[in-house]
PDB file of N, CA and C in Angstrom:
ATOM      1  N   MET A   1      -0.373  -8.077  -4.494  1.00  0.00           N
ATOM      2  CA  MET A   1      -0.579  -6.708  -4.973  1.00  0.00           C
ATOM      3  C   MET A   1       0.104  -5.721  -4.086  1.00  0.00           C
ATOM      4  N   LEU A   2       0.720  -4.774  -4.711  1.00  0.00           N
ATOM      5  CA  LEU A   2       1.486  -3.759  -3.958  1.00  0.00           C
ATOM      6  C   LEU A   2       0.801  -2.368  -4.330  1.00  0.00           C
ATOM      7  N   MET A   3       0.608  -1.664  -3.249  1.00  0.00           N
ATOM      8  CA  MET A   3       0.123  -0.200  -3.389  1.00  0.00           C
ATOM      9  C   MET A   3       1.157   0.722  -2.824  1.00  0.00           C
ATOM     10  N   GLN A   4       1.631   1.621  -3.671  1.00  0.00           N
ATOM     11  CA  GLN A   4       2.691   2.558  -3.217  1.00  0.00           C
ATOM     12  C   GLN A   4       2.197   3.962  -3.446  1.00  0.00           C
ATOM     13  N   LEU A   5       2.417   4.827  -2.491  1.00  0.00           N
ATOM     14  CA  LEU A   5       2.080   6.201  -2.580  1.00  0.00           C
ATOM     15  C   LEU A   5       3.400   6.988  -2.447  1.00  0.00           C
ATOM     16  N   GLY A   6       3.606   7.919  -3.374  1.00  0.00           N
ATOM     17  CA  GLY A   6       4.812   8.717  -3.239  1.00  0.00           C
ATOM     18  C   GLY A   6       4.939   9.768  -4.398  1.00  0.00           C
ATOM     19  N   ASP A   7       6.147   9.991  -4.802  1.00  0.00           N
ATOM     20  CA  ASP A   7       6.446  11.010  -5.808  1.00  0.00           C
ATOM     21  C   ASP A   7       6.662  10.242  -7.152  1.00  0.00           C
ATOM     22  N   GLY A   8       5.675  10.446  -7.994  1.00  0.00           N
ATOM     23  CA  GLY A   8       5.742   9.682  -9.316  1.00  0.00           C
ATOM     24  C   GLY A   8       6.975  10.010 -10.101  1.00  0.00           C
ATOM     25  N   GLY A   9       7.550  11.263 -10.029  1.00  0.00           N
ATOM     26  CA  GLY A   9       8.664  11.621 -10.785  1.00  0.00           C
ATOM     27  C   GLY A   9       9.977  10.936 -10.292  1.00  0.00           C
ATOM     28  N   LEU A  10      10.002  10.391  -9.094  1.00  0.00           N
ATOM     29  CA  LEU A  10      11.089   9.659  -8.490  1.00  0.00           C
ATOM     30  C   LEU A  10      10.953   8.138  -8.578  1.00  0.00           C
ATOM     31  N   MET A  11       9.719   7.622  -8.675  1.00  0.00           N
ATOM     32  CA  MET A  11       9.458   6.213  -8.682  1.00  0.00           C
ATOM     33  C   MET A  11      10.055   5.666  -9.982  1.00  0.00           C
ATOM     34  N   SER A  12      10.589   4.443  -9.804  1.00  0.00           N
ATOM     35  CA  SER A  12      11.053   3.690 -10.961  1.00  0.00           C
ATOM     36  C   SER A  12      10.399   2.348 -10.997  1.00  0.00           C
ATOM     37  N   SER A  13      10.423   1.644 -12.020  1.00  0.00           N
ATOM     38  CA  SER A  13       9.795   0.386 -12.257  1.00  0.00           C
ATOM     39  C   SER A  13      10.533  -0.715 -11.690  1.00  0.00           C
ATOM     40  N   GLY A  14      11.874  -0.682 -11.711  1.00  0.00           N
ATOM     41  CA  GLY A  14      12.716  -1.797 -11.262  1.00  0.00           C
ATOM     42  C   GLY A  14      12.660  -2.875 -12.230  1.00  0.00           C
ATOM     43  N   SER A  15      13.499  -3.927 -12.058  1.00  0.00           N
ATOM     44  CA  SER A  15      13.549  -5.017 -12.893  1.00  0.00           C
ATOM     45  C   SER A  15      13.522  -6.380 -12.203  1.00  0.00           C
ATOM     46  N   SER A  16      13.351  -6.325 -10.919  1.00  0.00           N
ATOM     47  CA  SER A  16      13.486  -7.558 -10.165  1.00  0.00           C
ATOM     48  C   SER A  16      12.110  -8.207  -9.813  1.00  0.00           C
ATOM     49  N   GLY A  17      10.999  -7.613 -10.293  1.00  0.00           N
ATOM     50  CA  GLY A  17       9.723  -8.083  -9.982  1.00  0.00           C
ATOM     51  C   GLY A  17       9.088  -7.442  -8.792  1.00  0.00           C
ATOM     52  N   PHE A  18       9.911  -6.975  -7.910  1.00  0.00           N
ATOM     53  CA  PHE A  18       9.539  -6.229  -6.728  1.00  0.00           C
ATOM     54  C   PHE A  18       9.876  -4.676  -6.961  1.00  0.00           C
ATOM     55  N   ALA A  19       9.018  -3.775  -6.927  1.00  0.00           N
ATOM     56  CA  ALA A  19       9.379  -2.353  -7.219  1.00  0.00           C
ATOM     57  C   ALA A  19      10.276  -1.891  -6.180  1.00  0.00           C
ATOM     58  N   PRO A  20      11.205  -1.072  -6.547  1.00  0.00           N
ATOM     59  CA  PRO A  20      12.039  -0.433  -5.554  1.00  0.00           C
ATOM     60  C   PRO A  20      11.312   0.634  -4.773  1.00  0.00           C
ATOM     61  N   ASP A  21      11.934   1.009  -3.610  1.00  0.00           N
ATOM     62  CA  ASP A  21      11.214   1.966  -2.709  1.00  0.00           C
ATOM     63  C   ASP A  21      11.637   3.485  -3.068  1.00  0.00           C
ATOM     64  N   THR A  22      12.428   3.690  -4.076  1.00  0.00           N
ATOM     65  CA  THR A  22      12.861   5.007  -4.515  1.00  0.00           C
ATOM     66  C   THR A  22      11.635   5.838  -4.772  1.00  0.00           C
ATOM     67  N   GLY A  23      11.488   7.033  -4.085  1.00  0.00           N
ATOM     68  CA  GLY A  23      10.352   7.872  -4.393  1.00  0.00           C
ATOM     69  C   GLY A  23       9.035   7.435  -3.692  1.00  0.00           C
ATOM     70  N   VAL A  24       9.086   6.371  -2.865  1.00  0.00           N
ATOM     71  CA  VAL A  24       7.958   5.873  -2.150  1.00  0.00           C
ATOM     72  C   VAL A  24       7.879   6.228  -0.756  1.00  0.00           C
ATOM     73  N   GLY A  25       6.681   6.800  -0.319  1.00  0.00           N
ATOM     74  CA  GLY A  25       6.600   7.203   1.104  1.00  0.00           C
ATOM     75  C   GLY A  25       5.755   6.134   1.818  1.00  0.00           C
ATOM     76  N   ILE A  26       4.876   5.439   1.197  1.00  0.00           N
ATOM     77  CA  ILE A  26       3.985   4.411   1.797  1.00  0.00           C
ATOM     78  C   ILE A  26       3.947   3.165   0.948  1.00  0.00           C
ATOM     79  N   ASN A  27       4.303   2.043   1.542  1.00  0.00           N
ATOM     80  CA  ASN A  27       4.247   0.768   0.903  1.00  0.00           C
ATOM     81  C   ASN A  27       3.133  -0.158   1.536  1.00  0.00           C
ATOM     82  N   LEU A  28       2.137  -0.518   0.904  1.00  0.00           N
ATOM     83  CA  LEU A  28       1.216  -1.518   1.439  1.00  0.00           C
ATOM     84  C   LEU A  28       1.202  -2.675   0.488  1.00  0.00           C
ATOM     85  N   ILE A  29       1.083  -3.878   0.938  1.00  0.00           N
ATOM     86  CA  ILE A  29       1.056  -5.075   0.058  1.00  0.00           C
ATOM     87  C   ILE A  29       0.080  -6.073   0.662  1.00  0.00           C
ATOM     88  N   TRP A  30      -0.584  -6.655  -0.291  1.00  0.00           N
ATOM     89  CA  TRP A  30      -1.612  -7.767   0.063  1.00  0.00           C
ATOM     90  C   TRP A  30      -1.103  -9.028  -0.509  1.00  0.00           C
ATOM     91  N   THR A  31      -0.703  -9.906   0.356  1.00  0.00           N
ATOM     92  CA  THR A  31      -0.087 -11.168  -0.115  1.00  0.00           C
ATOM     93  C   THR A  31      -0.117 -12.176   1.069  1.00  0.00           C
ATOM     94  N   SER A  32       0.602 -13.288   0.942  1.00  0.00           N
ATOM     95  CA  SER A  32       0.662 -14.302   1.980  1.00  0.00           C
ATOM     96  C   SER A  32       1.897 -13.868   2.861  1.00  0.00           C
ATOM     97  N   VAL A  33       1.606 -13.883   4.198  1.00  0.00           N
ATOM     98  CA  VAL A  33       2.649 -13.516   5.192  1.00  0.00           C
ATOM     99  C   VAL A  33       2.625 -14.583   6.318  1.00  0.00           C
ATOM    100  N   GLY A  34       3.696 -15.187   6.575  1.00  0.00           N
ATOM    101  CA  GLY A  34       3.741 -16.229   7.595  1.00  0.00           C
ATOM    102  C   GLY A  34       2.780 -17.343   7.275  1.00  0.00           C
ATOM    103  N   GLY A  35       2.548 -17.649   6.092  1.00  0.00           N
ATOM    104  CA  GLY A  35       1.592 -18.761   5.739  1.00  0.00           C
ATOM    105  C   GLY A  35       0.098 -18.282   5.724  1.00  0.00           C
ATOM    106  N   ILE A  36      -0.210 -17.083   6.024  1.00  0.00           N
ATOM    107  CA  ILE A  36      -1.587 -16.535   6.130  1.00  0.00           C
ATOM    108  C   ILE A  36      -1.843 -15.857   4.828  1.00  0.00           C
ATOM    109  N   GLN A  37      -2.751 -16.457   4.066  1.00  0.00           N
ATOM    110  CA  GLN A  37      -3.063 -15.763   2.721  1.00  0.00           C
ATOM    111  C   GLN A  37      -3.826 -14.495   3.011  1.00  0.00           C
ATOM    112  N   GLU A  38      -3.942 -13.698   1.926  1.00  0.00           N
ATOM    113  CA  GLU A  38      -4.721 -12.449   1.888  1.00  0.00           C
ATOM    114  C   GLU A  38      -4.526 -11.466   3.074  1.00  0.00           C
ATOM    115  N   THR A  39      -3.188 -11.326   3.395  1.00  0.00           N
ATOM    116  CA  THR A  39      -2.820 -10.468   4.514  1.00  0.00           C
ATOM    117  C   THR A  39      -2.397  -9.181   4.011  1.00  0.00           C
ATOM    118  N   LEU A  40      -3.047  -8.031   4.456  1.00  0.00           N
ATOM    119  CA  LEU A  40      -2.658  -6.756   4.260  1.00  0.00           C
ATOM    120  C   LEU A  40      -1.505  -6.388   5.166  1.00  0.00           C
ATOM    121  N   SER A  41      -0.362  -5.948   4.620  1.00  0.00           N
ATOM    122  CA  SER A  41       0.816  -5.628   5.396  1.00  0.00           C
ATOM    123  C   SER A  41       1.370  -4.320   4.878  1.00  0.00           C
ATOM    124  N   TYR A  42       2.315  -3.781   5.773  1.00  0.00           N
ATOM    125  CA  TYR A  42       3.051  -2.577   5.349  1.00  0.00           C
ATOM    126  C   TYR A  42       4.472  -3.070   5.116  1.00  0.00           C
ATOM    127  N   ARG A  43       5.195  -2.347   4.299  1.00  0.00           N
ATOM    128  CA  ARG A  43       6.603  -2.762   3.989  1.00  0.00           C
ATOM    129  C   ARG A  43       7.489  -1.598   4.311  1.00  0.00           C
ATOM    130  N   PRO A  44       8.051  -1.436   5.484  1.00  0.00           N
ATOM    131  CA  PRO A  44       8.883  -0.324   5.806  1.00  0.00           C
ATOM    132  C   PRO A  44      10.302  -0.409   5.133  1.00  0.00           C
ATOM    133  N   SER A  45      10.587  -1.644   4.760  1.00  0.00           N
ATOM    134  CA  SER A  45      12.003  -1.888   4.073  1.00  0.00           C
ATOM    135  C   SER A  45      11.768  -3.174   3.320  1.00  0.00           C
ATOM    136  N   ALA A  46      12.627  -4.102   3.432  1.00  0.00           N
ATOM    137  CA  ALA A  46      12.529  -5.411   2.741  1.00  0.00           C
ATOM    138  C   ALA A  46      11.624  -6.359   3.374  1.00  0.00           C
ATOM    139  N   SER A  47      11.238  -6.033   4.718  1.00  0.00           N
ATOM    140  CA  SER A  47      10.357  -6.974   5.490  1.00  0.00           C
ATOM    141  C   SER A  47       8.927  -6.587   5.367  1.00  0.00           C
ATOM    142  N   LEU A  48       8.081  -7.518   5.704  1.00  0.00           N
ATOM    143  CA  LEU A  48       6.637  -7.278   5.772  1.00  0.00           C
ATOM    144  C   LEU A  48       6.119  -7.389   7.136  1.00  0.00           C
ATOM    145  N   ILE A  49       5.278  -6.366   7.527  1.00  0.00           N
ATOM    146  CA  ILE A  49       4.725  -6.288   8.818  1.00  0.00           C
ATOM    147  C   ILE A  49       3.206  -6.447   8.671  1.00  0.00           C
ATOM    148  N   PRO A  50       2.584  -7.611   9.198  1.00  0.00           N
ATOM    149  CA  PRO A  50       1.098  -7.777   8.915  1.00  0.00           C
ATOM    150  C   PRO A  50       0.279  -6.710   9.673  1.00  0.00           C
ATOM    151  N   ILE A  51      -0.762  -6.263   8.968  1.00  0.00           N
ATOM    152  CA  ILE A  51      -1.816  -5.405   9.510  1.00  0.00           C
ATOM    153  C   ILE A  51      -3.039  -6.230   9.857  1.00  0.00           C
ATOM    154  N   THR A  52      -3.654  -6.948   8.854  1.00  0.00           N
ATOM    155  CA  THR A  52      -4.785  -7.748   9.097  1.00  0.00           C
ATOM    156  C   THR A  52      -4.982  -8.599   7.832  1.00  0.00           C
ATOM    157  N   GLN A  53      -5.777  -9.699   8.040  1.00  0.00           N
ATOM    158  CA  GLN A  53      -6.137 -10.492   6.915  1.00  0.00           C
ATOM    159  C   GLN A  53      -7.547  -9.987   6.424  1.00  0.00           C
ATOM    160  N   THR A  54      -7.589  -9.898   5.108  1.00  0.00           N
ATOM    161  CA  THR A  54      -8.888  -9.401   4.470  1.00  0.00           C
ATOM    162  C   THR A  54      -9.046 -10.218   3.162  1.00  0.00           C
ATOM    163  N   SER A  55     -10.204 -10.828   3.071  1.00  0.00           N
ATOM    164  CA  SER A  55     -10.430 -11.729   1.906  1.00  0.00           C
ATOM    165  C   SER A  55     -11.828 -11.334   1.230  1.00  0.00           C
ATOM    166  N   LYS A  56     -12.389 -10.250   1.644  1.00  0.00           N
ATOM    167  CA  LYS A  56     -13.649  -9.824   0.972  1.00  0.00           C
ATOM    168  C   LYS A  56     -13.529  -8.355   0.521  1.00  0.00           C
ATOM    169  N   GLN A  57     -14.481  -7.909  -0.235  1.00  0.00           N
ATOM    170  CA  GLN A  57     -14.513  -6.509  -0.609  1.00  0.00           C
ATOM    171  C   GLN A  57     -14.637  -5.586   0.572  1.00  0.00           C
ATOM    172  N   THR A  58     -13.787  -4.640   0.614  1.00  0.00           N
ATOM    173  CA  THR A  58     -13.689  -3.772   1.856  1.00  0.00           C
ATOM    174  C   THR A  58     -13.228  -2.384   1.469  1.00  0.00           C
ATOM    175  N   ASN A  59     -13.277  -1.510   2.427  1.00  0.00           N
ATOM    176  CA  ASN A  59     -12.818  -0.132   2.241  1.00  0.00           C
ATOM    177  C   ASN A  59     -11.539  -0.004   2.929  1.00  0.00           C
ATOM    178  N   ILE A  60     -10.424   0.334   2.223  1.00  0.00           N
ATOM    179  CA  ILE A  60      -9.178   0.532   2.757  1.00  0.00           C
ATOM    180  C   ILE A  60      -8.726   2.005   2.670  1.00  0.00           C
ATOM    181  N   LYS A  61      -8.571   2.684   3.792  1.00  0.00           N
ATOM    182  CA  LYS A  61      -8.304   4.082   3.724  1.00  0.00           C
ATOM    183  C   LYS A  61      -6.825   4.337   4.351  1.00  0.00           C
ATOM    184  N   VAL A  62      -6.018   5.083   3.637  1.00  0.00           N
ATOM    185  CA  VAL A  62      -4.699   5.477   4.184  1.00  0.00           C
ATOM    186  C   VAL A  62      -4.764   6.935   4.435  1.00  0.00           C
ATOM    187  N   LEU A  63      -4.439   7.347   5.664  1.00  0.00           N
ATOM    188  CA  LEU A  63      -4.419   8.750   6.108  1.00  0.00           C
ATOM    189  C   LEU A  63      -2.979   9.109   6.368  1.00  0.00           C
ATOM    190  N   ALA A  64      -2.439  10.042   5.563  1.00  0.00           N
ATOM    191  CA  ALA A  64      -1.048  10.491   5.687  1.00  0.00           C
ATOM    192  C   ALA A  64      -0.988  11.773   6.360  1.00  0.00           C
ATOM    193  N   ASP A  65      -0.142  11.890   7.399  1.00  0.00           N
ATOM    194  CA  ASP A  65       0.067  13.181   8.065  1.00  0.00           C
ATOM    195  C   ASP A  65       1.450  13.721   7.598  1.00  0.00           C
ATOM    196  N   LEU A  66       1.421  14.620   6.685  1.00  0.00           N
ATOM    197  CA  LEU A  66       2.621  15.175   6.101  1.00  0.00           C
ATOM    198  C   LEU A  66       3.542  15.932   7.043  1.00  0.00           C
ATOM    199  N   ASP A  67       2.974  16.500   8.021  1.00  0.00           N
ATOM    200  CA  ASP A  67       3.777  17.214   9.070  1.00  0.00           C
ATOM    201  C   ASP A  67       4.617  16.197   9.906  1.00  0.00           C
ATOM    202  N   SER A  68       4.003  15.139  10.375  1.00  0.00           N
ATOM    203  CA  SER A  68       4.777  14.189  11.181  1.00  0.00           C
ATOM    204  C   SER A  68       5.362  13.108  10.355  1.00  0.00           C
ATOM    205  N   GLN A  69       5.129  13.092   9.087  1.00  0.00           N
ATOM    206  CA  GLN A  69       5.642  11.984   8.166  1.00  0.00           C
ATOM    207  C   GLN A  69       5.246  10.605   8.637  1.00  0.00           C
ATOM    208  N   THR A  70       4.014  10.492   8.983  1.00  0.00           N
ATOM    209  CA  THR A  70       3.480   9.179   9.452  1.00  0.00           C
ATOM    210  C   THR A  70       2.096   8.927   8.729  1.00  0.00           C
ATOM    211  N   TYR A  71       1.593   7.696   8.806  1.00  0.00           N
ATOM    212  CA  TYR A  71       0.299   7.385   8.217  1.00  0.00           C
ATOM    213  C   TYR A  71      -0.411   6.366   9.060  1.00  0.00           C
ATOM    214  N   SER A  72      -1.717   6.266   8.859  1.00  0.00           N
ATOM    215  CA  SER A  72      -2.553   5.309   9.527  1.00  0.00           C
ATOM    216  C   SER A  72      -3.264   4.590   8.426  1.00  0.00           C
ATOM    217  N   VAL A  73      -3.738   3.310   8.751  1.00  0.00           N
ATOM    218  CA  VAL A  73      -4.518   2.497   7.816  1.00  0.00           C
ATOM    219  C   VAL A  73      -5.806   2.115   8.523  1.00  0.00           C
ATOM    220  N   LEU A  74      -6.916   2.384   7.855  1.00  0.00           N
ATOM    221  CA  LEU A  74      -8.153   2.050   8.300  1.00  0.00           C
ATOM    222  C   LEU A  74      -8.862   0.968   7.390  1.00  0.00           C
ATOM    223  N   ILE A  75      -9.363  -0.044   7.968  1.00  0.00           N
ATOM    224  CA  ILE A  75     -10.050  -1.085   7.222  1.00  0.00           C
ATOM    225  C   ILE A  75     -11.498  -1.195   7.598  1.00  0.00           C
ATOM    226  N   GLY A  76     -12.323  -0.853   6.690  1.00  0.00           N
ATOM    227  CA  GLY A  76     -13.837  -0.818   6.987  1.00  0.00           C
ATOM    228  C   GLY A  76     -14.120   0.291   8.053  1.00  0.00           C
ATOM    229  N   GLY A  77     -13.396   1.322   8.038  1.00  0.00           N
ATOM    230  CA  GLY A  77     -13.618   2.382   9.022  1.00  0.00           C
ATOM    231  C   GLY A  77     -12.924   2.256  10.403  1.00  0.00           C
ATOM    232  N   VAL A  78     -12.235   1.065  10.609  1.00  0.00           N
ATOM    233  CA  VAL A  78     -11.632   0.800  11.845  1.00  0.00           C
ATOM    234  C   VAL A  78     -10.118   1.035  11.720  1.00  0.00           C
ATOM    235  N   GLU A  79      -9.520   1.832  12.541  1.00  0.00           N
ATOM    236  CA  GLU A  79      -8.114   2.044  12.468  1.00  0.00           C
ATOM    237  C   GLU A  79      -7.341   0.831  12.974  1.00  0.00           C
ATOM    238  N   MET A  80      -6.572   0.308  11.983  1.00  0.00           N
ATOM    239  CA  MET A  80      -5.785  -0.945  12.251  1.00  0.00           C
ATOM    240  C   MET A  80      -4.344  -0.564  12.654  1.00  0.00           C
ATOM    241  N   THR A  81      -3.819   0.501  12.174  1.00  0.00           N
ATOM    242  CA  THR A  81      -2.440   0.943  12.578  1.00  0.00           C
ATOM    243  C   THR A  81      -2.560   2.478  12.645  1.00  0.00           C
ATOM    244  N   SER A  82      -1.528   3.004  13.389  1.00  0.00           N
ATOM    245  CA  SER A  82      -1.429   4.453  13.456  1.00  0.00           C
ATOM    246  C   SER A  82      -0.020   4.899  13.615  1.00  0.00           C
ATOM    247  N   ARG A  83       0.249   6.026  13.027  1.00  0.00           N
ATOM    248  CA  ARG A  83       1.512   6.724  13.133  1.00  0.00           C
ATOM    249  C   ARG A  83       2.737   5.834  12.675  1.00  0.00           C
ATOM    250  N   LEU A  84       2.499   5.087  11.567  1.00  0.00           N
ATOM    251  CA  LEU A  84       3.540   4.348  10.963  1.00  0.00           C
ATOM    252  C   LEU A  84       4.409   5.406  10.186  1.00  0.00           C
ATOM    253  N   PRO A  85       5.728   5.262  10.301  1.00  0.00           N
ATOM    254  CA  PRO A  85       6.616   6.288   9.600  1.00  0.00           C
ATOM    255  C   PRO A  85       6.663   6.051   8.128  1.00  0.00           C
ATOM    256  N   PHE A  86       6.810   7.094   7.373  1.00  0.00           N
ATOM    257  CA  PHE A  86       6.908   7.011   5.950  1.00  0.00           C
ATOM    258  C   PHE A  86       8.231   6.200   5.586  1.00  0.00           C
ATOM    259  N   THR A  87       8.161   5.435   4.564  1.00  0.00           N
ATOM    260  CA  THR A  87       9.388   4.711   4.086  1.00  0.00           C
ATOM    261  C   THR A  87      10.472   5.703   3.781  1.00  0.00           C
ATOM    262  N   HIS A  88      10.051   6.749   3.030  1.00  0.00           N
ATOM    263  CA  HIS A  88      10.961   7.854   2.693  1.00  0.00           C
ATOM    264  C   HIS A  88      10.207   9.186   2.674  1.00  0.00           C
ATOM    265  N   PRO A  89      10.827  10.229   3.131  1.00  0.00           N
ATOM    266  CA  PRO A  89      10.168  11.602   3.172  1.00  0.00           C
ATOM    267  C   PRO A  89      10.077  12.103   1.724  1.00  0.00           C
ATOM    268  N   VAL A  90       8.910  12.020   1.119  1.00  0.00           N
ATOM    269  CA  VAL A  90       8.659  12.406  -0.258  1.00  0.00           C
ATOM    270  C   VAL A  90       7.381  13.167  -0.352  1.00  0.00           C
ATOM    271  N   ASP A  91       7.245  13.900  -1.485  1.00  0.00           N
ATOM    272  CA  ASP A  91       6.050  14.511  -1.797  1.00  0.00           C
ATOM    273  C   ASP A  91       5.121  13.468  -2.326  1.00  0.00           C
ATOM    274  N   PHE A  92       3.746  13.582  -2.049  1.00  0.00           N
ATOM    275  CA  PHE A  92       2.828  12.652  -2.480  1.00  0.00           C
ATOM    276  C   PHE A  92       1.989  13.330  -3.691  1.00  0.00           C
ATOM    277  N   ASN A  93       2.174  12.681  -4.885  1.00  0.00           N
ATOM    278  CA  ASN A  93       1.405  13.150  -5.979  1.00  0.00           C
ATOM    279  C   ASN A  93       1.010  11.939  -6.825  1.00  0.00           C
ATOM    280  N   SER A  94       1.376  10.687  -6.426  1.00  0.00           N
ATOM    281  CA  SER A  94       1.026   9.497  -7.188  1.00  0.00           C
ATOM    282  C   SER A  94       0.629   8.242  -6.279  1.00  0.00           C
ATOM    283  N   VAL A  95      -0.280   7.488  -6.773  1.00  0.00           N
ATOM    284  CA  VAL A  95      -0.598   6.262  -6.281  1.00  0.00           C
ATOM    285  C   VAL A  95      -0.346   5.213  -7.354  1.00  0.00           C
ATOM    286  N   ARG A  96       0.267   4.064  -7.091  1.00  0.00           N
ATOM    287  CA  ARG A  96       0.451   3.038  -8.090  1.00  0.00           C
ATOM    288  C   ARG A  96       0.139   1.695  -7.528  1.00  0.00           C
ATOM    289  N   PHE A  97      -0.452   0.818  -8.337  1.00  0.00           N
ATOM    290  CA  PHE A  97      -0.732  -0.595  -7.903  1.00  0.00           C
ATOM    291  C   PHE A  97       0.105  -1.406  -8.788  1.00  0.00           C
ATOM    292  N   LEU A  98       0.858  -2.381  -8.196  1.00  0.00           N
ATOM    293  CA  LEU A  98       1.648  -3.412  -8.952  1.00  0.00           C
ATOM    294  C   LEU A  98       1.144  -4.690  -8.669  1.00  0.00           C
ATOM    295  N   ILE A  99       0.763  -5.402  -9.645  1.00  0.00           N
ATOM    296  CA  ILE A  99       0.162  -6.762  -9.440  1.00  0.00           C
ATOM    297  C   ILE A  99       1.041  -7.830 -10.116  1.00  0.00           C
ATOM    298  N   HIS A 100       1.452  -8.798  -9.343  1.00  0.00           N
ATOM    299  CA  HIS A 100       2.319  -9.827  -9.879  1.00  0.00           C
ATOM    300  C   HIS A 100       1.858 -11.253  -9.373  1.00  0.00           C
ATOM    301  N   GLY A 101       1.716 -12.074 -10.375  1.00  0.00           N
ATOM    302  CA  GLY A 101       1.281 -13.405  -9.998  1.00  0.00           C
ATOM    303  C   GLY A 101      -0.126 -13.651  -9.386  1.00  0.00           C
ATOM    304  N   VAL A 102      -1.031 -12.688  -9.763  1.00  0.00           N
ATOM    305  CA  VAL A 102      -2.445 -12.813  -9.279  1.00  0.00           C
ATOM    306  C   VAL A 102      -3.262 -13.106 -10.572  1.00  0.00           C
ATOM    307  N   GLY A 103      -4.015 -14.213 -10.464  1.00  0.00           N
ATOM    308  CA  GLY A 103      -4.910 -14.630 -11.526  1.00  0.00           C
ATOM    309  C   GLY A 103      -6.066 -13.824 -11.619  1.00  0.00           C
ATOM    310  N   GLN A 104      -6.553 -13.396 -12.783  1.00  0.00           N
ATOM    311  CA  GLN A 104      -7.653 -12.505 -12.972  1.00  0.00           C
ATOM    312  C   GLN A 104      -8.961 -13.233 -12.550  1.00  0.00           C
ATOM    313  N   ALA A 105      -8.861 -14.639 -12.546  1.00  0.00           N
ATOM    314  CA  ALA A 105     -10.121 -15.345 -12.182  1.00  0.00           C
ATOM    315  C   ALA A 105     -10.398 -15.047 -10.692  1.00  0.00           C
ATOM    316  N   ASN A 106      -9.400 -14.714  -9.926  1.00  0.00           N
ATOM    317  CA  ASN A 106      -9.669 -14.442  -8.461  1.00  0.00           C
ATOM    318  C   ASN A 106      -9.508 -12.954  -8.024  1.00  0.00           C
ATOM    319  N   PHE A 107      -9.007 -12.236  -9.035  1.00  0.00           N
ATOM    320  CA  PHE A 107      -8.705 -10.770  -8.618  1.00  0.00           C
ATOM    321  C   PHE A 107      -8.726  -9.994  -9.925  1.00  0.00           C
ATOM    322  N   ASP A 108      -9.556  -8.992  -9.952  1.00  0.00           N
ATOM    323  CA  ASP A 108      -9.617  -8.074 -11.185  1.00  0.00           C
ATOM    324  C   ASP A 108      -9.167  -6.708 -10.670  1.00  0.00           C
ATOM    325  N   PRO A 109      -8.016  -6.196 -11.180  1.00  0.00           N
ATOM    326  CA  PRO A 109      -7.502  -4.943 -10.681  1.00  0.00           C
ATOM    327  C   PRO A 109      -8.425  -3.775 -11.089  1.00  0.00           C
ATOM    328  N   ARG A 110      -9.330  -4.015 -11.955  1.00  0.00           N
ATOM    329  CA  ARG A 110     -10.357  -2.967 -12.436  1.00  0.00           C
ATOM    330  C   ARG A 110     -11.481  -2.796 -11.395  1.00  0.00           C
ATOM    331  N   CYS A 111     -11.427  -3.567 -10.306  1.00  0.00           N
ATOM    332  CA  CYS A 111     -12.546  -3.497  -9.296  1.00  0.00           C
ATOM    333  C   CYS A 111     -12.423  -2.308  -8.313  1.00  0.00           C
ATOM    334  N   PHE A 112     -11.400  -1.555  -8.403  1.00  0.00           N
ATOM    335  CA  PHE A 112     -11.301  -0.336  -7.502  1.00  0.00           C
ATOM    336  C   PHE A 112     -12.395   0.660  -7.892  1.00  0.00           C
ATOM    337  N   ASP A 113     -13.314   0.971  -7.009  1.00  0.00           N
ATOM    338  CA  ASP A 113     -14.395   1.839  -7.368  1.00  0.00           C
ATOM    339  C   ASP A 113     -14.142   3.349  -6.950  1.00  0.00           C
ATOM    340  N   ILE A 114     -13.263   3.515  -5.948  1.00  0.00           N
ATOM    341  CA  ILE A 114     -12.993   4.941  -5.501  1.00  0.00           C
ATOM    342  C   ILE A 114     -11.472   4.989  -5.189  1.00  0.00           C
ATOM    343  N   LEU A 115     -10.757   5.904  -5.814  1.00  0.00           N
ATOM    344  CA  LEU A 115      -9.374   6.058  -5.511  1.00  0.00           C
ATOM    345  C   LEU A 115      -9.225   7.610  -5.437  1.00  0.00           C
ATOM    346  N   PHE A 116      -8.815   8.027  -4.180  1.00  0.00           N
ATOM    347  CA  PHE A 116      -8.797   9.495  -3.929  1.00  0.00           C
ATOM    348  C   PHE A 116      -7.403   9.858  -3.355  1.00  0.00           C
ATOM    349  N   LEU A 117      -6.777  10.815  -3.894  1.00  0.00           N
ATOM    350  CA  LEU A 117      -5.475  11.339  -3.360  1.00  0.00           C
ATOM    351  C   LEU A 117      -5.607  12.780  -3.231  1.00  0.00           C
ATOM    352  N   GLY A 118      -5.579  13.292  -2.023  1.00  0.00           N
ATOM    353  CA  GLY A 118      -5.717  14.697  -1.787  1.00  0.00           C
ATOM    354  C   GLY A 118      -6.191  14.981  -0.399  1.00  0.00           C
ATOM    355  N   THR A 119      -6.629  16.245  -0.225  1.00  0.00           N
ATOM    356  CA  THR A 119      -7.153  16.709   1.086  1.00  0.00           C
ATOM    357  C   THR A 119      -8.665  16.451   1.143  1.00  0.00           C
ATOM    358  N   PRO A 120      -9.116  15.719   2.067  1.00  0.00           N
ATOM    359  CA  PRO A 120     -10.595  15.451   2.221  1.00  0.00           C
ATOM    360  C   PRO A 120     -11.393  16.765   2.464  1.00  0.00           C
TER     361      PRO A 120
END
């Protein structure tokens, strides 16, 4: 599952199965990395950098600093990364989730209970 934050007017769907980074400021992906299943990672380019493994219901918070063009990721209230650079400097007005090859028996994309984009 891929979560991208960025400028919806610039984002495109792509055709290769993996969404392109055009218009995307933050790329987070939940997949297998280095043989470890259910790893939350960030994707600064074509590579994946692991953040942590998570296999249960949890709270994931992304805090973007628009002035420094960096972001932090908190899992269950614990800061796992800080000051990661944006993939591209873009305006943030959209969040999208792309799901590929995930069976609904194990994951239901309708299970997101709170999705907030804005100033707290």
